[in-house]
Amino acid sequence: MLSHEDNELLTRVGPATPMGNLLRCFWLPFAHASELPSVDGDPLRVRLLGEDLVAFRDTTGRVGLLAANCPHRGASLFSDATGKPASAACTTAGSSILPVPVSDSAVHCVAT
């Protein structure tokens, strides 16, 4: 039987936890392709390893998965104040967030 400390070590997967750091080294399926939004459709809320994310498809059909908040000002990329889905854009900063190929680790922000 596991001790309480070992159980905590193995089951906590949030950011900056040992098991969370390990699991982030691997690809983790989070949705079937048919569950993802259509091109330029409403983004999908995703909670993975204790982090809130936004999944979307851009105009070219590329899939993007980003943190749910703008990296500049922390505004929600998912919705406005009414909770209605928006695009992967930060209305506060006035930027659109573009997905990048999986081989590229950067996130590109462009003025709208």
PDB file of N, CA and C in Angstrom:
ATOM      1  N   MET A   1       0.840  -1.175   0.000  1.00  0.00           N
ATOM      2  CA  MET A   1       0.000   0.000   0.000  1.00  0.00           C
ATOM      3  C   MET A   1       0.891   1.246   0.000  1.00  0.00           C
ATOM      4  N   LEU A   2       0.465   2.260  -0.755  1.00  0.00           N
ATOM      5  CA  LEU A   2       1.219   3.505  -0.851  1.00  0.00           C
ATOM      6  C   LEU A   2       1.045   4.358   0.400  1.00  0.00           C
ATOM      7  N   SER A   3       2.099   5.033   0.757  1.00  0.00           N
ATOM      8  CA  SER A   3       1.990   6.017   1.831  1.00  0.00           C
ATOM      9  C   SER A   3       1.248   7.231   1.288  1.00  0.00           C
ATOM     10  N   HIS A   4       0.790   8.066   2.190  1.00  0.00           N
ATOM     11  CA  HIS A   4       0.093   9.282   1.778  1.00  0.00           C
ATOM     12  C   HIS A   4       1.005  10.148   0.906  1.00  0.00           C
ATOM     13  N   GLU A   5       2.276  10.262   1.270  1.00  0.00           N
ATOM     14  CA  GLU A   5       3.225  11.079   0.511  1.00  0.00           C
ATOM     15  C   GLU A   5       3.439  10.522  -0.896  1.00  0.00           C
ATOM     16  N   ASP A   6       3.582   9.183  -1.006  1.00  0.00           N
ATOM     17  CA  ASP A   6       3.759   8.569  -2.331  1.00  0.00           C
ATOM     18  C   ASP A   6       2.516   8.737  -3.191  1.00  0.00           C
ATOM     19  N   ASN A   7       1.344   8.613  -2.573  1.00  0.00           N
ATOM     20  CA  ASN A   7       0.095   8.799  -3.301  1.00  0.00           C
ATOM     21  C   ASN A   7       0.007  10.220  -3.846  1.00  0.00           C
ATOM     22  N   GLU A   8       0.351  11.220  -3.025  1.00  0.00           N
ATOM     23  CA  GLU A   8       0.345  12.613  -3.467  1.00  0.00           C
ATOM     24  C   GLU A   8       1.328  12.819  -4.622  1.00  0.00           C
ATOM     25  N   LEU A   9       2.507  12.227  -4.513  1.00  0.00           N
ATOM     26  CA  LEU A   9       3.530  12.356  -5.550  1.00  0.00           C
ATOM     27  C   LEU A   9       3.043  11.811  -6.887  1.00  0.00           C
ATOM     28  N   LEU A  10       2.342  10.674  -6.852  1.00  0.00           N
ATOM     29  CA  LEU A  10       1.918  10.012  -8.088  1.00  0.00           C
ATOM     30  C   LEU A  10       0.622  10.550  -8.675  1.00  0.00           C
ATOM     31  N   THR A  11      -0.204  11.193  -7.877  1.00  0.00           N
ATOM     32  CA  THR A  11      -1.523  11.599  -8.380  1.00  0.00           C
ATOM     33  C   THR A  11      -1.666  13.082  -8.672  1.00  0.00           C
ATOM     34  N   ARG A  12      -0.779  13.912  -8.190  1.00  0.00           N
ATOM     35  CA  ARG A  12      -0.858  15.346  -8.471  1.00  0.00           C
ATOM     36  C   ARG A  12      -0.188  15.627  -9.813  1.00  0.00           C
ATOM     37  N   VAL A  13      -0.960  16.182 -10.766  1.00  0.00           N
ATOM     38  CA  VAL A  13      -0.438  16.376 -12.126  1.00  0.00           C
ATOM     39  C   VAL A  13      -0.482  17.829 -12.588  1.00  0.00           C
ATOM     40  N   GLY A  14      -0.746  18.739 -11.685  1.00  0.00           N
ATOM     41  CA  GLY A  14      -0.795  20.159 -12.035  1.00  0.00           C
ATOM     42  C   GLY A  14       0.579  20.683 -12.413  1.00  0.00           C
ATOM     43  N   PRO A  15       0.636  21.948 -12.802  1.00  0.00           N
ATOM     44  CA  PRO A  15       1.919  22.563 -13.151  1.00  0.00           C
ATOM     45  C   PRO A  15       2.894  22.510 -11.970  1.00  0.00           C
ATOM     46  N   ALA A  16       4.156  22.310 -12.272  1.00  0.00           N
ATOM     47  CA  ALA A  16       5.241  22.307 -11.284  1.00  0.00           C
ATOM     48  C   ALA A  16       5.137  21.185 -10.257  1.00  0.00           C
ATOM     49  N   THR A  17       4.505  20.075 -10.642  1.00  0.00           N
ATOM     50  CA  THR A  17       4.511  18.888  -9.784  1.00  0.00           C
ATOM     51  C   THR A  17       5.357  17.827 -10.471  1.00  0.00           C
ATOM     52  N   PRO A  18       5.977  16.923  -9.709  1.00  0.00           N
ATOM     53  CA  PRO A  18       6.830  15.912 -10.353  1.00  0.00           C
ATOM     54  C   PRO A  18       6.104  15.084 -11.419  1.00  0.00           C
ATOM     55  N   MET A  19       4.918  14.578 -11.109  1.00  0.00           N
ATOM     56  CA  MET A  19       4.192  13.755 -12.096  1.00  0.00           C
ATOM     57  C   MET A  19       3.675  14.618 -13.244  1.00  0.00           C
ATOM     58  N   GLY A  20       3.247  15.836 -12.948  1.00  0.00           N
ATOM     59  CA  GLY A  20       2.816  16.749 -14.007  1.00  0.00           C
ATOM     60  C   GLY A  20       3.945  17.057 -14.964  1.00  0.00           C
ATOM     61  N   ASN A  21       5.132  17.313 -14.426  1.00  0.00           N
ATOM     62  CA  ASN A  21       6.298  17.569 -15.276  1.00  0.00           C
ATOM     63  C   ASN A  21       6.631  16.361 -16.143  1.00  0.00           C
ATOM     64  N   LEU A  22       6.526  15.158 -15.582  1.00  0.00           N
ATOM     65  CA  LEU A  22       6.796  13.936 -16.349  1.00  0.00           C
ATOM     66  C   LEU A  22       5.774  13.771 -17.476  1.00  0.00           C
ATOM     67  N   LEU A  23       4.496  13.901 -17.173  1.00  0.00           N
ATOM     68  CA  LEU A  23       3.458  13.694 -18.182  1.00  0.00           C
ATOM     69  C   LEU A  23       3.518  14.735 -19.294  1.00  0.00           C
ATOM     70  N   ARG A  24       4.015  15.928 -19.013  1.00  0.00           N
ATOM     71  CA  ARG A  24       4.133  16.961 -20.036  1.00  0.00           C
ATOM     72  C   ARG A  24       5.244  16.670 -21.042  1.00  0.00           C
ATOM     73  N   CYS A  25       6.010  15.621 -20.811  1.00  0.00           N
ATOM     74  CA  CYS A  25       7.051  15.205 -21.763  1.00  0.00           C
ATOM     75  C   CYS A  25       6.479  14.344 -22.886  1.00  0.00           C
ATOM     76  N   PHE A  26       5.199  13.988 -22.803  1.00  0.00           N
ATOM     77  CA  PHE A  26       4.587  13.073 -23.752  1.00  0.00           C
ATOM     78  C   PHE A  26       3.359  13.709 -24.401  1.00  0.00           C
ATOM     79  N   TRP A  27       2.999  13.208 -25.599  1.00  0.00           N
ATOM     80  CA  TRP A  27       1.772  13.627 -26.257  1.00  0.00           C
ATOM     81  C   TRP A  27       0.601  13.062 -25.482  1.00  0.00           C
ATOM     82  N   LEU A  28      -0.415  13.877 -25.222  1.00  0.00           N
ATOM     83  CA  LEU A  28      -1.602  13.441 -24.500  1.00  0.00           C
ATOM     84  C   LEU A  28      -2.838  13.724 -25.337  1.00  0.00           C
ATOM     85  N   PRO A  29      -3.520  12.680 -25.826  1.00  0.00           N
ATOM     86  CA  PRO A  29      -4.752  12.926 -26.584  1.00  0.00           C
ATOM     87  C   PRO A  29      -5.792  13.558 -25.655  1.00  0.00           C
ATOM     88  N   PHE A  30      -6.513  14.555 -26.156  1.00  0.00           N
ATOM     89  CA  PHE A  30      -7.508  15.213 -25.317  1.00  0.00           C
ATOM     90  C   PHE A  30      -8.887  15.228 -25.952  1.00  0.00           C
ATOM     91  N   ALA A  31      -8.983  14.978 -27.255  1.00  0.00           N
ATOM     92  CA  ALA A  31     -10.276  14.975 -27.941  1.00  0.00           C
ATOM     93  C   ALA A  31     -10.117  14.246 -29.267  1.00  0.00           C
ATOM     94  N   HIS A  32     -11.217  13.694 -29.749  1.00  0.00           N
ATOM     95  CA  HIS A  32     -11.248  13.099 -31.081  1.00  0.00           C
ATOM     96  C   HIS A  32     -11.334  14.234 -32.096  1.00  0.00           C
ATOM     97  N   ALA A  33     -10.770  14.042 -33.277  1.00  0.00           N
ATOM     98  CA  ALA A  33     -10.766  15.082 -34.306  1.00  0.00           C
ATOM     99  C   ALA A  33     -12.169  15.598 -34.604  1.00  0.00           C
ATOM    100  N   SER A  34     -13.173  14.730 -34.542  1.00  0.00           N
ATOM    101  CA  SER A  34     -14.549  15.157 -34.824  1.00  0.00           C
ATOM    102  C   SER A  34     -15.106  16.064 -33.728  1.00  0.00           C
ATOM    103  N   GLU A  35     -14.503  16.062 -32.550  1.00  0.00           N
ATOM    104  CA  GLU A  35     -14.961  16.912 -31.451  1.00  0.00           C
ATOM    105  C   GLU A  35     -14.362  18.320 -31.506  1.00  0.00           C
ATOM    106  N   LEU A  36     -13.343  18.491 -32.329  1.00  0.00           N
ATOM    107  CA  LEU A  36     -12.695  19.796 -32.435  1.00  0.00           C
ATOM    108  C   LEU A  36     -13.554  20.749 -33.244  1.00  0.00           C
ATOM    109  N   PRO A  37     -13.395  22.046 -33.017  1.00  0.00           N
ATOM    110  CA  PRO A  37     -14.214  23.027 -33.743  1.00  0.00           C
ATOM    111  C   PRO A  37     -13.961  22.974 -35.246  1.00  0.00           C
ATOM    112  N   SER A  38     -14.952  23.428 -35.994  1.00  0.00           N
ATOM    113  CA  SER A  38     -14.773  23.546 -37.436  1.00  0.00           C
ATOM    114  C   SER A  38     -13.873  24.750 -37.716  1.00  0.00           C
ATOM    115  N   VAL A  39     -13.486  24.931 -38.968  1.00  0.00           N
ATOM    116  CA  VAL A  39     -12.619  26.041 -39.352  1.00  0.00           C
ATOM    117  C   VAL A  39     -13.254  27.356 -38.917  1.00  0.00           C
ATOM    118  N   ASP A  40     -12.493  28.160 -38.192  1.00  0.00           N
ATOM    119  CA  ASP A  40     -12.947  29.447 -37.655  1.00  0.00           C
ATOM    120  C   ASP A  40     -14.202  29.333 -36.787  1.00  0.00           C
ATOM    121  N   GLY A  41     -14.442  28.142 -36.241  1.00  0.00           N
ATOM    122  CA  GLY A  41     -15.610  27.937 -35.384  1.00  0.00           C
ATOM    123  C   GLY A  41     -15.326  28.331 -33.945  1.00  0.00           C
ATOM    124  N   ASP A  42     -16.329  28.144 -33.097  1.00  0.00           N
ATOM    125  CA  ASP A  42     -16.177  28.449 -31.686  1.00  0.00           C
ATOM    126  C   ASP A  42     -15.102  27.563 -31.069  1.00  0.00           C
ATOM    127  N   PRO A  43     -14.223  28.128 -30.250  1.00  0.00           N
ATOM    128  CA  PRO A  43     -13.180  27.322 -29.621  1.00  0.00           C
ATOM    129  C   PRO A  43     -13.767  26.356 -28.592  1.00  0.00           C
ATOM    130  N   LEU A  44     -13.002  25.360 -28.252  1.00  0.00           N
ATOM    131  CA  LEU A  44     -13.405  24.314 -27.309  1.00  0.00           C
ATOM    132  C   LEU A  44     -12.605  24.470 -26.027  1.00  0.00           C
ATOM    133  N   ARG A  45     -13.295  24.500 -24.893  1.00  0.00           N
ATOM    134  CA  ARG A  45     -12.603  24.537 -23.594  1.00  0.00           C
ATOM    135  C   ARG A  45     -12.012  23.160 -23.321  1.00  0.00           C
ATOM    136  N   VAL A  46     -10.771  23.143 -22.862  1.00  0.00           N
ATOM    137  CA  VAL A  46     -10.098  21.894 -22.530  1.00  0.00           C
ATOM    138  C   VAL A  46      -9.410  22.085 -21.187  1.00  0.00           C
ATOM    139  N   ARG A  47      -9.550  21.124 -20.300  1.00  0.00           N
ATOM    140  CA  ARG A  47      -8.800  21.130 -19.042  1.00  0.00           C
ATOM    141  C   ARG A  47      -7.935  19.880 -19.055  1.00  0.00           C
ATOM    142  N   LEU A  48      -6.640  20.088 -19.074  1.00  0.00           N
ATOM    143  CA  LEU A  48      -5.692  18.985 -19.204  1.00  0.00           C
ATOM    144  C   LEU A  48      -4.577  19.166 -18.188  1.00  0.00           C
ATOM    145  N   LEU A  49      -4.362  18.169 -17.365  1.00  0.00           N
ATOM    146  CA  LEU A  49      -3.324  18.208 -16.329  1.00  0.00           C
ATOM    147  C   LEU A  49      -3.442  19.455 -15.450  1.00  0.00           C
ATOM    148  N   GLY A  50      -4.676  19.796 -15.109  1.00  0.00           N
ATOM    149  CA  GLY A  50      -4.919  20.908 -14.218  1.00  0.00           C
ATOM    150  C   GLY A  50      -4.799  22.284 -14.851  1.00  0.00           C
ATOM    151  N   GLU A  51      -4.650  22.354 -16.157  1.00  0.00           N
ATOM    152  CA  GLU A  51      -4.518  23.644 -16.837  1.00  0.00           C
ATOM    153  C   GLU A  51      -5.709  23.872 -17.759  1.00  0.00           C
ATOM    154  N   ASP A  52      -6.218  25.100 -17.766  1.00  0.00           N
ATOM    155  CA  ASP A  52      -7.302  25.477 -18.667  1.00  0.00           C
ATOM    156  C   ASP A  52      -6.699  25.887 -20.005  1.00  0.00           C
ATOM    157  N   LEU A  53      -7.207  25.256 -21.079  1.00  0.00           N
ATOM    158  CA  LEU A  53      -6.687  25.483 -22.427  1.00  0.00           C
ATOM    159  C   LEU A  53      -7.834  25.781 -23.383  1.00  0.00           C
ATOM    160  N   VAL A  54      -7.492  26.258 -24.565  1.00  0.00           N
ATOM    161  CA  VAL A  54      -8.456  26.535 -25.628  1.00  0.00           C
ATOM    162  C   VAL A  54      -7.995  25.802 -26.885  1.00  0.00           C
ATOM    163  N   ALA A  55      -8.875  24.963 -27.444  1.00  0.00           N
ATOM    164  CA  ALA A  55      -8.586  24.269 -28.703  1.00  0.00           C
ATOM    165  C   ALA A  55      -9.404  24.936 -29.804  1.00  0.00           C
ATOM    166  N   PHE A  56      -8.800  25.100 -30.974  1.00  0.00           N
ATOM    167  CA  PHE A  56      -9.490  25.767 -32.084  1.00  0.00           C
ATOM    168  C   PHE A  56      -8.849  25.358 -33.397  1.00  0.00           C
ATOM    169  N   ARG A  57      -9.540  25.691 -34.497  1.00  0.00           N
ATOM    170  CA  ARG A  57      -8.987  25.550 -35.852  1.00  0.00           C
ATOM    171  C   ARG A  57      -8.943  26.942 -36.472  1.00  0.00           C
ATOM    172  N   ASP A  58      -7.819  27.254 -37.129  1.00  0.00           N
ATOM    173  CA  ASP A  58      -7.727  28.557 -37.777  1.00  0.00           C
ATOM    174  C   ASP A  58      -8.342  28.487 -39.174  1.00  0.00           C
ATOM    175  N   THR A  59      -8.231  29.562 -39.920  1.00  0.00           N
ATOM    176  CA  THR A  59      -8.832  29.653 -41.252  1.00  0.00           C
ATOM    177  C   THR A  59      -8.322  28.581 -42.197  1.00  0.00           C
ATOM    178  N   THR A  60      -7.076  28.139 -42.022  1.00  0.00           N
ATOM    179  CA  THR A  60      -6.515  27.107 -42.887  1.00  0.00           C
ATOM    180  C   THR A  60      -6.807  25.698 -42.387  1.00  0.00           C
ATOM    181  N   GLY A  61      -7.457  25.576 -41.219  1.00  0.00           N
ATOM    182  CA  GLY A  61      -7.804  24.272 -40.676  1.00  0.00           C
ATOM    183  C   GLY A  61      -6.790  23.710 -39.695  1.00  0.00           C
ATOM    184  N   ARG A  62      -5.704  24.450 -39.454  1.00  0.00           N
ATOM    185  CA  ARG A  62      -4.718  23.971 -38.484  1.00  0.00           C
ATOM    186  C   ARG A  62      -5.311  24.014 -37.081  1.00  0.00           C
ATOM    187  N   VAL A  63      -4.979  22.996 -36.294  1.00  0.00           N
ATOM    188  CA  VAL A  63      -5.458  22.924 -34.918  1.00  0.00           C
ATOM    189  C   VAL A  63      -4.506  23.688 -34.022  1.00  0.00           C
ATOM    190  N   GLY A  64      -5.069  24.447 -33.096  1.00  0.00           N
ATOM    191  CA  GLY A  64      -4.278  25.148 -32.092  1.00  0.00           C
ATOM    192  C   GLY A  64      -4.757  24.754 -30.709  1.00  0.00           C
ATOM    193  N   LEU A  65      -3.831  24.639 -29.772  1.00  0.00           N
ATOM    194  CA  LEU A  65      -4.151  24.374 -28.376  1.00  0.00           C
ATOM    195  C   LEU A  65      -3.283  25.310 -27.553  1.00  0.00           C
ATOM    196  N   LEU A  66      -3.926  26.270 -26.897  1.00  0.00           N
ATOM    197  CA  LEU A  66      -3.206  27.311 -26.176  1.00  0.00           C
ATOM    198  C   LEU A  66      -3.727  27.449 -24.755  1.00  0.00           C
ATOM    199  N   ALA A  67      -2.915  28.071 -23.915  1.00  0.00           N
ATOM    200  CA  ALA A  67      -3.393  28.439 -22.583  1.00  0.00           C
ATOM    201  C   ALA A  67      -4.641  29.295 -22.761  1.00  0.00           C
ATOM    202  N   ALA A  68      -5.570  29.200 -21.831  1.00  0.00           N
ATOM    203  CA  ALA A  68      -6.858  29.869 -21.966  1.00  0.00           C
ATOM    204  C   ALA A  68      -6.780  31.375 -21.778  1.00  0.00           C
ATOM    205  N   ASN A  69      -5.609  31.890 -21.432  1.00  0.00           N
ATOM    206  CA  ASN A  69      -5.471  33.328 -21.218  1.00  0.00           C
ATOM    207  C   ASN A  69      -4.377  33.904 -22.094  1.00  0.00           C
ATOM    208  N   CYS A  70      -4.579  35.143 -22.511  1.00  0.00           N
ATOM    209  CA  CYS A  70      -3.593  35.868 -23.311  1.00  0.00           C
ATOM    210  C   CYS A  70      -2.263  35.921 -22.557  1.00  0.00           C
ATOM    211  N   PRO A  71      -1.162  35.600 -23.235  1.00  0.00           N
ATOM    212  CA  PRO A  71       0.132  35.627 -22.553  1.00  0.00           C
ATOM    213  C   PRO A  71       0.583  37.035 -22.170  1.00  0.00           C
ATOM    214  N   HIS A  72      -0.027  38.060 -22.744  1.00  0.00           N
ATOM    215  CA  HIS A  72       0.387  39.436 -22.459  1.00  0.00           C
ATOM    216  C   HIS A  72      -0.326  40.033 -21.255  1.00  0.00           C
ATOM    217  N   ARG A  73      -1.638  39.908 -21.232  1.00  0.00           N
ATOM    218  CA  ARG A  73      -2.410  40.592 -20.187  1.00  0.00           C
ATOM    219  C   ARG A  73      -3.303  39.679 -19.375  1.00  0.00           C
ATOM    220  N   GLY A  74      -3.325  38.403 -19.701  1.00  0.00           N
ATOM    221  CA  GLY A  74      -4.114  37.456 -18.921  1.00  0.00           C
ATOM    222  C   GLY A  74      -5.599  37.431 -19.233  1.00  0.00           C
ATOM    223  N   ALA A  75      -6.048  38.154 -20.256  1.00  0.00           N
ATOM    224  CA  ALA A  75      -7.462  38.155 -20.620  1.00  0.00           C
ATOM    225  C   ALA A  75      -7.837  36.802 -21.226  1.00  0.00           C
ATOM    226  N   SER A  76      -9.073  36.392 -21.044  1.00  0.00           N
ATOM    227  CA  SER A  76      -9.547  35.112 -21.548  1.00  0.00           C
ATOM    228  C   SER A  76      -9.524  35.077 -23.078  1.00  0.00           C
ATOM    229  N   LEU A  77      -9.025  33.996 -23.634  1.00  0.00           N
ATOM    230  CA  LEU A  77      -9.084  33.791 -25.086  1.00  0.00           C
ATOM    231  C   LEU A  77     -10.343  33.032 -25.471  1.00  0.00           C
ATOM    232  N   PHE A  78     -11.057  32.529 -24.464  1.00  0.00           N
ATOM    233  CA  PHE A  78     -12.238  31.734 -24.773  1.00  0.00           C
ATOM    234  C   PHE A  78     -13.489  32.568 -24.942  1.00  0.00           C
ATOM    235  N   SER A  79     -13.714  33.510 -24.058  1.00  0.00           N
ATOM    236  CA  SER A  79     -15.007  34.184 -24.103  1.00  0.00           C
ATOM    237  C   SER A  79     -14.914  35.623 -23.629  1.00  0.00           C
ATOM    238  N   ASP A  80     -15.961  36.334 -23.914  1.00  0.00           N
ATOM    239  CA  ASP A  80     -16.069  37.691 -23.393  1.00  0.00           C
ATOM    240  C   ASP A  80     -16.761  37.632 -22.029  1.00  0.00           C
ATOM    241  N   ALA A  81     -17.161  38.736 -21.500  1.00  0.00           N
ATOM    242  CA  ALA A  81     -17.755  38.790 -20.170  1.00  0.00           C
ATOM    243  C   ALA A  81     -19.073  38.017 -20.074  1.00  0.00           C
ATOM    244  N   THR A  82     -19.750  37.799 -21.202  1.00  0.00           N
ATOM    245  CA  THR A  82     -21.023  37.081 -21.175  1.00  0.00           C
ATOM    246  C   THR A  82     -20.838  35.578 -21.153  1.00  0.00           C
ATOM    247  N   GLY A  83     -19.606  35.103 -21.373  1.00  0.00           N
ATOM    248  CA  GLY A  83     -19.355  33.668 -21.418  1.00  0.00           C
ATOM    249  C   GLY A  83     -19.586  33.067 -22.788  1.00  0.00           C
ATOM    250  N   LYS A  84     -19.959  33.893 -23.764  1.00  0.00           N
ATOM    251  CA  LYS A  84     -20.169  33.390 -25.122  1.00  0.00           C
ATOM    252  C   LYS A  84     -18.821  33.103 -25.772  1.00  0.00           C
ATOM    253  N   PRO A  85     -18.685  31.940 -26.440  1.00  0.00           N
ATOM    254  CA  PRO A  85     -17.410  31.617 -27.075  1.00  0.00           C
ATOM    255  C   PRO A  85     -16.968  32.693 -28.053  1.00  0.00           C
ATOM    256  N   ALA A  86     -15.696  32.954 -28.063  1.00  0.00           N
ATOM    257  CA  ALA A  86     -15.096  33.915 -28.991  1.00  0.00           C
ATOM    258  C   ALA A  86     -14.071  33.178 -29.829  1.00  0.00           C
ATOM    259  N   SER A  87     -13.291  33.902 -30.599  1.00  0.00           N
ATOM    260  CA  SER A  87     -12.202  33.279 -31.336  1.00  0.00           C
ATOM    261  C   SER A  87     -10.975  33.271 -30.452  1.00  0.00           C
ATOM    262  N   ALA A  88      -9.911  32.656 -30.921  1.00  0.00           N
ATOM    263  CA  ALA A  88      -8.664  32.652 -30.157  1.00  0.00           C
ATOM    264  C   ALA A  88      -8.002  34.004 -30.341  1.00  0.00           C
ATOM    265  N   ALA A  89      -8.594  34.990 -29.725  1.00  0.00           N
ATOM    266  CA  ALA A  89      -8.087  36.350 -29.832  1.00  0.00           C
ATOM    267  C   ALA A  89      -8.259  37.043 -28.497  1.00  0.00           C
ATOM    268  N   CYS A  90      -7.345  37.926 -28.207  1.00  0.00           N
ATOM    269  CA  CYS A  90      -7.409  38.698 -26.974  1.00  0.00           C
ATOM    270  C   CYS A  90      -8.013  40.055 -27.295  1.00  0.00           C
ATOM    271  N   THR A  91      -9.233  40.274 -26.844  1.00  0.00           N
ATOM    272  CA  THR A  91      -9.885  41.549 -27.123  1.00  0.00           C
ATOM    273  C   THR A  91      -9.259  42.670 -26.318  1.00  0.00           C
ATOM    274  N   THR A  92      -8.650  42.349 -25.199  1.00  0.00           N
ATOM    275  CA  THR A  92      -8.004  43.367 -24.372  1.00  0.00           C
ATOM    276  C   THR A  92      -6.736  43.883 -25.033  1.00  0.00           C
ATOM    277  N   ALA A  93      -5.889  42.955 -25.500  1.00  0.00           N
ATOM    278  CA  ALA A  93      -4.626  43.354 -26.121  1.00  0.00           C
ATOM    279  C   ALA A  93      -4.780  43.677 -27.597  1.00  0.00           C
ATOM    280  N   GLY A  94      -5.916  43.281 -28.206  1.00  0.00           N
ATOM    281  CA  GLY A  94      -6.142  43.547 -29.623  1.00  0.00           C
ATOM    282  C   GLY A  94      -5.296  42.670 -30.523  1.00  0.00           C
ATOM    283  N   SER A  95      -4.994  41.451 -30.079  1.00  0.00           N
ATOM    284  CA  SER A  95      -4.156  40.548 -30.859  1.00  0.00           C
ATOM    285  C   SER A  95      -4.891  39.252 -31.137  1.00  0.00           C
ATOM    286  N   SER A  96      -4.584  38.646 -32.267  1.00  0.00           N
ATOM    287  CA  SER A  96      -5.037  37.299 -32.554  1.00  0.00           C
ATOM    288  C   SER A  96      -3.884  36.363 -32.263  1.00  0.00           C
ATOM    289  N   ILE A  97      -4.211  35.194 -31.764  1.00  0.00           N
ATOM    290  CA  ILE A  97      -3.198  34.198 -31.462  1.00  0.00           C
ATOM    291  C   ILE A  97      -3.260  33.154 -32.560  1.00  0.00           C
ATOM    292  N   LEU A  98      -2.152  32.924 -33.227  1.00  0.00           N
ATOM    293  CA  LEU A  98      -2.121  31.986 -34.340  1.00  0.00           C
ATOM    294  C   LEU A  98      -1.492  30.675 -33.927  1.00  0.00           C
ATOM    295  N   PRO A  99      -2.107  29.533 -34.292  1.00  0.00           N
ATOM    296  CA  PRO A  99      -1.462  28.256 -34.024  1.00  0.00           C
ATOM    297  C   PRO A  99      -0.242  28.098 -34.921  1.00  0.00           C
ATOM    298  N   VAL A 100       0.668  27.285 -34.492  1.00  0.00           N
ATOM    299  CA  VAL A 100       1.892  27.060 -35.254  1.00  0.00           C
ATOM    300  C   VAL A 100       2.058  25.573 -35.465  1.00  0.00           C
ATOM    301  N   PRO A 101       2.845  25.156 -36.445  1.00  0.00           N
ATOM    302  CA  PRO A 101       3.078  23.726 -36.634  1.00  0.00           C
ATOM    303  C   PRO A 101       3.651  23.115 -35.364  1.00  0.00           C
ATOM    304  N   VAL A 102       3.369  21.827 -35.140  1.00  0.00           N
ATOM    305  CA  VAL A 102       3.820  21.192 -33.909  1.00  0.00           C
ATOM    306  C   VAL A 102       5.342  21.165 -33.792  1.00  0.00           C
ATOM    307  N   SER A 103       6.063  21.323 -34.898  1.00  0.00           N
ATOM    308  CA  SER A 103       7.516  21.341 -34.837  1.00  0.00           C
ATOM    309  C   SER A 103       8.050  22.683 -34.359  1.00  0.00           C
ATOM    310  N   ASP A 104       7.198  23.702 -34.312  1.00  0.00           N
ATOM    311  CA  ASP A 104       7.586  25.040 -33.885  1.00  0.00           C
ATOM    312  C   ASP A 104       7.072  25.251 -32.473  1.00  0.00           C
ATOM    313  N   SER A 105       7.919  25.694 -31.570  1.00  0.00           N
ATOM    314  CA  SER A 105       7.495  25.843 -30.181  1.00  0.00           C
ATOM    315  C   SER A 105       7.019  27.248 -29.866  1.00  0.00           C
ATOM    316  N   ALA A 106       7.003  28.128 -30.834  1.00  0.00           N
ATOM    317  CA  ALA A 106       6.619  29.522 -30.589  1.00  0.00           C
ATOM    318  C   ALA A 106       5.123  29.717 -30.765  1.00  0.00           C
ATOM    319  N   VAL A 107       4.612  30.760 -30.139  1.00  0.00           N
ATOM    320  CA  VAL A 107       3.242  31.208 -30.355  1.00  0.00           C
ATOM    321  C   VAL A 107       3.341  32.587 -30.973  1.00  0.00           C
ATOM    322  N   HIS A 108       2.612  32.800 -32.047  1.00  0.00           N
ATOM    323  CA  HIS A 108       2.693  34.059 -32.776  1.00  0.00           C
ATOM    324  C   HIS A 108       1.464  34.913 -32.500  1.00  0.00           C
ATOM    325  N   CYS A 109       1.668  36.154 -32.116  1.00  0.00           N
ATOM    326  CA  CYS A 109       0.579  37.102 -31.897  1.00  0.00           C
ATOM    327  C   CYS A 109       0.637  38.142 -33.009  1.00  0.00           C
ATOM    328  N   VAL A 110      -0.523  38.449 -33.571  1.00  0.00           N
ATOM    329  CA  VAL A 110      -0.566  39.448 -34.628  1.00  0.00           C
ATOM    330  C   VAL A 110      -1.632  40.477 -34.290  1.00  0.00           C
ATOM    331  N   ALA A 111      -1.400  41.716 -34.661  1.00  0.00           N
ATOM    332  CA  ALA A 111      -2.395  42.758 -34.423  1.00  0.00           C
ATOM    333  C   ALA A 111      -3.599  42.507 -35.311  1.00  0.00           C
ATOM    334  N   THR A 112      -4.777  42.829 -34.795  1.00  0.00           N
ATOM    335  CA  THR A 112      -5.996  42.629 -35.578  1.00  0.00           C
ATOM    336  C   THR A 112      -6.501  43.956 -36.102  1.00  0.00           C
TER     337      THR A 112
END
